[in-house]
């Protein structure tokens, strides 16, 4: 079977609990840390926007 051009991408929140057989099948691992407070606020502003009905105040998502 020709696998040229095939990309397999996986993501998990708990990489330490993956079976070693699964982990060794991936050639490369990229760690992406959790976003900081400023990044989280930017994501909330982007996804909630001004046209979305919500009652979340900015100080609440900064907690």
Protein backbone atom coordinates (compact mmCIF):
# COMPACT_ATOMS: atom_id res chain seq x y z
CA UNK A 1 0.00 0.00 0.00
CA UNK A 2 1.33 3.42 -0.92
CA UNK A 3 1.10 5.73 2.09
CA UNK A 4 2.80 8.70 0.44
CA UNK A 5 1.07 11.90 1.43
CA UNK A 6 -0.77 10.31 4.36
CA UNK A 7 -0.71 12.26 7.60
CA UNK A 8 -2.02 10.89 10.88
CA UNK A 9 -2.57 13.48 13.57
CA UNK A 10 -3.66 12.73 17.12
CA UNK A 11 -4.34 14.87 20.16
CA UNK A 12 -4.93 14.12 23.81
CA UNK A 13 -5.20 15.96 27.11
CA UNK A 14 -3.62 13.05 28.97
CA UNK A 15 -0.58 11.82 27.00
CA UNK A 16 0.90 10.09 30.05
CA UNK A 17 -1.97 7.62 30.10
CA UNK A 18 -1.56 6.46 26.50
CA UNK A 19 -0.42 2.91 25.95
CA UNK A 20 3.25 2.68 24.97
CA UNK A 21 2.31 0.72 21.83
CA UNK A 22 0.29 3.71 20.63
CA UNK A 23 2.97 6.25 21.55
CA UNK A 24 5.77 4.48 19.72
CA UNK A 25 3.79 4.51 16.46
CA UNK A 26 4.07 8.28 16.27
CA UNK A 27 7.43 9.54 15.07
CA UNK A 28 7.10 13.03 16.44
CA UNK A 29 5.46 14.55 19.48
CA UNK A 30 4.72 18.22 19.90
CA UNK A 31 3.83 19.60 23.32
CA UNK A 32 1.43 22.52 23.27
CA UNK A 33 1.00 24.02 26.74
CA UNK A 34 -2.27 25.32 28.10
CA UNK A 35 -2.99 28.94 27.23
CA UNK A 36 -2.24 31.65 29.75
CA UNK A 37 -4.79 34.10 31.13
CA UNK A 38 -4.37 36.63 28.31
CA UNK A 39 -4.72 33.93 25.66
CA UNK A 40 -7.81 32.54 27.35
CA UNK A 41 -9.40 35.97 27.48
CA UNK A 42 -8.66 36.48 23.78
CA UNK A 43 -10.27 33.12 22.95
CA UNK A 44 -13.39 33.98 24.95
CA UNK A 45 -13.66 37.35 23.25
CA UNK A 46 -13.20 35.77 19.83
CA UNK A 47 -15.70 32.96 20.31
CA UNK A 48 -18.31 34.78 22.38
CA UNK A 49 -18.02 38.03 20.47
CA UNK A 50 -20.49 40.84 20.81
CA UNK A 51 -23.30 39.21 18.83
CA UNK A 52 -23.58 36.12 21.02
CA UNK A 53 -26.05 36.11 23.89
CA UNK A 54 -24.25 35.26 27.11
CA UNK A 55 -24.13 36.50 30.67
CA UNK A 56 -20.44 35.85 31.29
CA UNK A 57 -18.59 38.93 32.47
CA UNK A 58 -14.92 39.46 31.59
CA UNK A 59 -13.78 39.19 35.21
CA UNK A 60 -15.44 35.73 35.38
CA UNK A 61 -13.42 34.20 32.56
CA UNK A 62 -10.24 35.71 33.98
CA UNK A 63 -10.61 33.61 37.15
